[in-house]
Amino acid sequence: MKKIGIILFAIMSMSISSCKQNASNRVNDENLTNAQERDRKKVKDLAKMTFVSKEFNFGTIKQGDKIDAMFEFTNTGESDLIITKAKSSCGCTVPEWPKDKPIKPGEKGEIKAVYDSKGKQNNQNKSITLTTNTLSGREVIYVKGFVTPSPGSKKAEPIFKPVIK
């Protein structure tokens, strides 16, 4: 029993004294410099999407109209650009993108979005999130405009109705 107590005391003493060491003193400066250079090179070698415009404003349209929005971009990065997914904030906006075709550095590409204003009215602001191999991993583009309600359509009801006593 006495031996177990001595062994436990020795283990606890070693663990307490090892916690007092400062981890920053154990970092090798050369390894740190190499890691920083490696990370800078990786960022430089990524694909980069540069859009002509990230926003498409369709102006004023009538309820029920469909609009084709086009977003032109260039891969201004150092490696092939791959867009793996495009998801809109609303089912009324359907994006099309180059799914199976990497965009080479310097090449141009297009994202097309069809906006259907059926059942929509007033100000509209829809986003499309692209999942890419850029530094941020995603890019966001927007379709905006105003939809004039068609005659006879119900006006939008307020979400909260005031209670009058």
C-alpha atoms as a PDB file:
ATOM      1  CA  MET A   1       0.000   0.000   0.000  1.00  0.00           C
ATOM      2  CA  LYS A   2       2.878   2.296   0.858  1.00  0.00           C
ATOM      3  CA  LYS A   3       4.455   1.658  -2.577  1.00  0.00           C
ATOM      4  CA  ILE A   4       1.195   2.564  -4.385  1.00  0.00           C
ATOM      5  CA  GLY A   5       1.003   5.813  -2.424  1.00  0.00           C
ATOM      6  CA  ILE A   6       4.595   6.701  -3.358  1.00  0.00           C
ATOM      7  CA  ILE A   7       3.976   5.891  -7.039  1.00  0.00           C
ATOM      8  CA  LEU A   8       0.793   8.012  -7.126  1.00  0.00           C
ATOM      9  CA  PHE A   9       2.619  10.876  -5.409  1.00  0.00           C
ATOM     10  CA  ALA A  10       5.420  10.675  -8.004  1.00  0.00           C
ATOM     11  CA  ILE A  11       2.964  10.680 -10.922  1.00  0.00           C
ATOM     12  CA  MET A  12       1.057  13.659  -9.511  1.00  0.00           C
ATOM     13  CA  SER A  13       4.282  15.586  -8.909  1.00  0.00           C
ATOM     14  CA  MET A  14       5.438  15.008 -12.498  1.00  0.00           C
ATOM     15  CA  SER A  15       2.085  16.045 -13.972  1.00  0.00           C
ATOM     16  CA  ILE A  16       1.950  19.243 -11.908  1.00  0.00           C
ATOM     17  CA  SER A  17       5.503  20.246 -12.784  1.00  0.00           C
ATOM     18  CA  SER A  18       4.988  19.503 -16.502  1.00  0.00           C
ATOM     19  CA  CYS A  19       1.986  21.877 -16.610  1.00  0.00           C
ATOM     20  CA  LYS A  20       4.213  24.771 -15.597  1.00  0.00           C
ATOM     21  CA  GLN A  21       6.113  24.707 -18.899  1.00  0.00           C
ATOM     22  CA  ASN A  22       5.215  27.472 -21.356  1.00  0.00           C
ATOM     23  CA  ALA A  23       4.246  25.960 -24.731  1.00  0.00           C
ATOM     24  CA  SER A  24       5.339  29.066 -26.655  1.00  0.00           C
ATOM     25  CA  ASN A  25       8.912  28.518 -25.452  1.00  0.00           C
ATOM     26  CA  ARG A  26       8.912  25.096 -27.100  1.00  0.00           C
ATOM     27  CA  VAL A  27       8.002  26.405 -30.623  1.00  0.00           C
ATOM     28  CA  ASN A  28      10.846  26.229 -33.085  1.00  0.00           C
ATOM     29  CA  ASP A  29      11.135  29.589 -34.940  1.00  0.00           C
ATOM     30  CA  GLU A  30      12.269  27.913 -38.175  1.00  0.00           C
ATOM     31  CA  ASN A  31       9.253  25.591 -38.171  1.00  0.00           C
ATOM     32  CA  LEU A  32       6.953  28.542 -37.534  1.00  0.00           C
ATOM     33  CA  THR A  33       8.426  30.487 -40.479  1.00  0.00           C
ATOM     34  CA  ASN A  34       8.106  27.454 -42.753  1.00  0.00           C
ATOM     35  CA  ALA A  35       4.466  26.946 -41.757  1.00  0.00           C
ATOM     36  CA  GLN A  36       3.615  30.613 -42.379  1.00  0.00           C
ATOM     37  CA  GLU A  37       5.252  30.494 -45.827  1.00  0.00           C
ATOM     38  CA  ARG A  38       3.400  27.276 -46.675  1.00  0.00           C
ATOM     39  CA  ASP A  39       0.079  28.864 -45.688  1.00  0.00           C
ATOM     40  CA  ARG A  40       0.773  32.018 -47.769  1.00  0.00           C
ATOM     41  CA  LYS A  41       1.551  29.851 -50.795  1.00  0.00           C
ATOM     42  CA  LYS A  42      -1.661  27.832 -50.359  1.00  0.00           C
ATOM     43  CA  VAL A  43      -3.760  31.021 -50.231  1.00  0.00           C
ATOM     44  CA  LYS A  44      -2.014  32.410 -53.313  1.00  0.00           C
ATOM     45  CA  ASP A  45      -2.597  29.180 -55.254  1.00  0.00           C
ATOM     46  CA  LEU A  46      -6.375  29.091 -54.659  1.00  0.00           C
ATOM     47  CA  ALA A  47      -9.044  29.840 -57.231  1.00  0.00           C
ATOM     48  CA  LYS A  48     -10.667  33.281 -56.995  1.00  0.00           C
ATOM     49  CA  MET A  49     -14.039  34.404 -58.385  1.00  0.00           C
ATOM     50  CA  THR A  50     -14.167  37.996 -59.591  1.00  0.00           C
ATOM     51  CA  PHE A  51     -17.709  38.998 -60.600  1.00  0.00           C
ATOM     52  CA  VAL A  52     -18.670  41.762 -63.024  1.00  0.00           C
ATOM     53  CA  SER A  53     -21.470  42.354 -60.481  1.00  0.00           C
ATOM     54  CA  LYS A  54     -22.688  40.280 -57.542  1.00  0.00           C
ATOM     55  CA  GLU A  55     -26.129  41.852 -57.754  1.00  0.00           C
ATOM     56  CA  PHE A  56     -28.778  41.621 -60.485  1.00  0.00           C
ATOM     57  CA  ASN A  57     -31.551  44.214 -60.125  1.00  0.00           C
ATOM     58  CA  PHE A  58     -34.515  43.343 -62.345  1.00  0.00           C
ATOM     59  CA  GLY A  59     -36.269  46.659 -61.645  1.00  0.00           C
ATOM     60  CA  THR A  60     -40.076  46.575 -61.499  1.00  0.00           C
ATOM     61  CA  ILE A  61     -42.015  43.638 -62.921  1.00  0.00           C
ATOM     62  CA  LYS A  62     -45.579  42.340 -62.746  1.00  0.00           C
ATOM     63  CA  GLN A  63     -46.501  39.514 -60.418  1.00  0.00           C
ATOM     64  CA  GLY A  64     -46.188  36.199 -62.277  1.00  0.00           C
ATOM     65  CA  ASP A  65     -43.325  37.302 -64.578  1.00  0.00           C
ATOM     66  CA  LYS A  66     -40.179  35.195 -64.822  1.00  0.00           C
ATOM     67  CA  ILE A  67     -36.786  36.886 -65.068  1.00  0.00           C
ATOM     68  CA  ASP A  68     -33.453  35.450 -66.203  1.00  0.00           C
ATOM     69  CA  ALA A  69     -30.551  36.857 -64.197  1.00  0.00           C
ATOM     70  CA  MET A  70     -26.996  36.401 -65.446  1.00  0.00           C
ATOM     71  CA  PHE A  71     -23.848  36.729 -63.349  1.00  0.00           C
ATOM     72  CA  GLU A  72     -20.557  36.819 -65.240  1.00  0.00           C
ATOM     73  CA  PHE A  73     -17.304  36.036 -63.451  1.00  0.00           C
ATOM     74  CA  THR A  74     -13.636  35.368 -64.135  1.00  0.00           C
ATOM     75  CA  ASN A  75     -11.340  32.957 -62.322  1.00  0.00           C
ATOM     76  CA  THR A  76      -8.591  35.379 -61.291  1.00  0.00           C
ATOM     77  CA  GLY A  77      -6.894  32.783 -59.082  1.00  0.00           C
ATOM     78  CA  GLU A  78      -3.983  30.443 -59.696  1.00  0.00           C
ATOM     79  CA  SER A  79      -5.857  27.123 -59.861  1.00  0.00           C
ATOM     80  CA  ASP A  80      -8.996  25.677 -61.437  1.00  0.00           C
ATOM     81  CA  LEU A  81     -12.249  27.024 -59.993  1.00  0.00           C
ATOM     82  CA  ILE A  82     -14.800  24.402 -59.038  1.00  0.00           C
ATOM     83  CA  ILE A  83     -18.362  25.247 -58.041  1.00  0.00           C
ATOM     84  CA  THR A  84     -19.804  22.225 -56.262  1.00  0.00           C
ATOM     85  CA  LYS A  85     -23.166  23.637 -55.220  1.00  0.00           C
ATOM     86  CA  ALA A  86     -25.490  26.607 -55.737  1.00  0.00           C
ATOM     87  CA  LYS A  87     -28.373  27.093 -53.316  1.00  0.00           C
ATOM     88  CA  SER A  88     -30.925  29.889 -53.366  1.00  0.00           C
ATOM     89  CA  SER A  89     -32.617  31.414 -50.351  1.00  0.00           C
ATOM     90  CA  CYS A  90     -36.044  30.746 -51.866  1.00  0.00           C
ATOM     91  CA  GLY A  91     -37.609  28.149 -54.137  1.00  0.00           C
ATOM     92  CA  CYS A  92     -38.679  30.972 -56.459  1.00  0.00           C
ATOM     93  CA  THR A  93     -35.065  31.386 -57.636  1.00  0.00           C
ATOM     94  CA  VAL A  94     -33.414  28.486 -59.476  1.00  0.00           C
ATOM     95  CA  PRO A  95     -29.660  28.728 -60.156  1.00  0.00           C
ATOM     96  CA  GLU A  96     -27.743  27.049 -62.992  1.00  0.00           C
ATOM     97  CA  TRP A  97     -23.949  26.782 -62.850  1.00  0.00           C
ATOM     98  CA  PRO A  98     -21.117  24.927 -64.588  1.00  0.00           C
ATOM     99  CA  LYS A  99     -21.440  21.718 -62.543  1.00  0.00           C
ATOM    100  CA  ASP A 100     -18.990  19.385 -64.231  1.00  0.00           C
ATOM    101  CA  LYS A 101     -16.604  21.899 -65.761  1.00  0.00           C
ATOM    102  CA  PRO A 102     -13.688  23.408 -63.845  1.00  0.00           C
ATOM    103  CA  ILE A 103     -13.020  27.025 -64.818  1.00  0.00           C
ATOM    104  CA  LYS A 104      -9.311  27.441 -65.621  1.00  0.00           C
ATOM    105  CA  PRO A 105      -7.352  30.465 -64.357  1.00  0.00           C
ATOM    106  CA  GLY A 106      -8.162  33.458 -66.564  1.00  0.00           C
ATOM    107  CA  GLU A 107     -11.331  31.849 -68.013  1.00  0.00           C
ATOM    108  CA  LYS A 108     -14.787  33.368 -67.731  1.00  0.00           C
ATOM    109  CA  GLY A 109     -17.963  31.661 -66.573  1.00  0.00           C
ATOM    110  CA  GLU A 110     -21.629  32.374 -65.935  1.00  0.00           C
ATOM    111  CA  ILE A 111     -24.176  31.683 -63.244  1.00  0.00           C
ATOM    112  CA  LYS A 112     -27.753  31.877 -64.499  1.00  0.00           C
ATOM    113  CA  ALA A 113     -30.707  32.266 -62.146  1.00  0.00           C
ATOM    114  CA  VAL A 114     -34.381  32.143 -63.076  1.00  0.00           C
ATOM    115  CA  TYR A 115     -36.574  34.166 -60.712  1.00  0.00           C
ATOM    116  CA  ASP A 116     -40.316  33.382 -60.721  1.00  0.00           C
ATOM    117  CA  SER A 117     -42.431  36.158 -59.187  1.00  0.00           C
ATOM    118  CA  LYS A 118     -45.593  34.040 -58.946  1.00  0.00           C
ATOM    119  CA  GLY A 119     -47.151  34.754 -55.555  1.00  0.00           C
ATOM    120  CA  LYS A 120     -44.566  37.441 -54.756  1.00  0.00           C
ATOM    121  CA  GLN A 121     -45.114  41.162 -54.318  1.00  0.00           C
ATOM    122  CA  ASN A 122     -43.312  44.342 -53.278  1.00  0.00           C
ATOM    123  CA  ASN A 123     -39.550  44.427 -52.632  1.00  0.00           C
ATOM    124  CA  GLN A 124     -37.722  41.177 -53.321  1.00  0.00           C
ATOM    125  CA  ASN A 125     -34.165  40.305 -52.306  1.00  0.00           C
ATOM    126  CA  LYS A 126     -33.047  36.720 -52.962  1.00  0.00           C
ATOM    127  CA  SER A 127     -29.558  35.330 -52.429  1.00  0.00           C
ATOM    128  CA  ILE A 128     -27.723  32.462 -54.079  1.00  0.00           C
ATOM    129  CA  THR A 129     -24.875  30.870 -52.142  1.00  0.00           C
ATOM    130  CA  LEU A 130     -22.187  29.152 -54.212  1.00  0.00           C
ATOM    131  CA  THR A 131     -19.995  26.495 -52.608  1.00  0.00           C
ATOM    132  CA  THR A 132     -16.544  26.827 -54.209  1.00  0.00           C
ATOM    133  CA  ASN A 133     -12.851  26.083 -53.762  1.00  0.00           C
ATOM    134  CA  THR A 134     -12.043  29.755 -53.088  1.00  0.00           C
ATOM    135  CA  LEU A 135     -10.455  31.030 -49.870  1.00  0.00           C
ATOM    136  CA  SER A 136     -13.791  31.618 -48.118  1.00  0.00           C
ATOM    137  CA  GLY A 137     -15.321  28.434 -49.533  1.00  0.00           C
ATOM    138  CA  ARG A 138     -18.468  30.272 -50.579  1.00  0.00           C
ATOM    139  CA  GLU A 139     -19.579  33.231 -52.635  1.00  0.00           C
ATOM    140  CA  VAL A 140     -22.977  34.968 -52.415  1.00  0.00           C
ATOM    141  CA  ILE A 141     -24.816  36.713 -55.275  1.00  0.00           C
ATOM    142  CA  TYR A 142     -28.174  38.527 -55.179  1.00  0.00           C
ATOM    143  CA  VAL A 143     -31.321  38.950 -57.287  1.00  0.00           C
ATOM    144  CA  LYS A 144     -33.310  42.069 -56.342  1.00  0.00           C
ATOM    145  CA  GLY A 145     -36.252  44.084 -57.562  1.00  0.00           C
ATOM    146  CA  PHE A 146     -39.862  45.098 -57.055  1.00  0.00           C
ATOM    147  CA  VAL A 147     -42.920  43.010 -57.940  1.00  0.00           C
ATOM    148  CA  THR A 148     -46.154  44.885 -58.638  1.00  0.00           C
ATOM    149  CA  PRO A 149     -49.159  42.905 -57.404  1.00  0.00           C
ATOM    150  CA  SER A 150     -51.542  41.832 -60.130  1.00  0.00           C
ATOM    151  CA  PRO A 151     -55.097  43.212 -59.973  1.00  0.00           C
ATOM    152  CA  GLY A 152     -57.319  41.149 -57.721  1.00  0.00           C
ATOM    153  CA  SER A 153     -54.441  39.581 -55.791  1.00  0.00           C
ATOM    154  CA  LYS A 154     -54.653  39.624 -52.037  1.00  0.00           C
ATOM    155  CA  LYS A 155     -52.558  42.220 -50.315  1.00  0.00           C
ATOM    156  CA  ALA A 156     -49.944  40.837 -48.003  1.00  0.00           C
ATOM    157  CA  GLU A 157     -51.352  40.451 -44.525  1.00  0.00           C
ATOM    158  CA  PRO A 158     -49.211  41.701 -41.651  1.00  0.00           C
ATOM    159  CA  ILE A 159     -47.641  38.934 -39.637  1.00  0.00           C
ATOM    160  CA  PHE A 160     -48.794  40.485 -36.371  1.00  0.00           C
ATOM    161  CA  LYS A 161     -52.229  42.060 -36.239  1.00  0.00           C
ATOM    162  CA  PRO A 162     -52.724  44.722 -33.567  1.00  0.00           C
ATOM    163  CA  VAL A 163     -55.225  43.846 -30.882  1.00  0.00           C
ATOM    164  CA  ILE A 164     -57.735  46.640 -30.332  1.00  0.00           C
ATOM    165  CA  LYS A 165     -59.478  46.655 -26.957  1.00  0.00           C
END
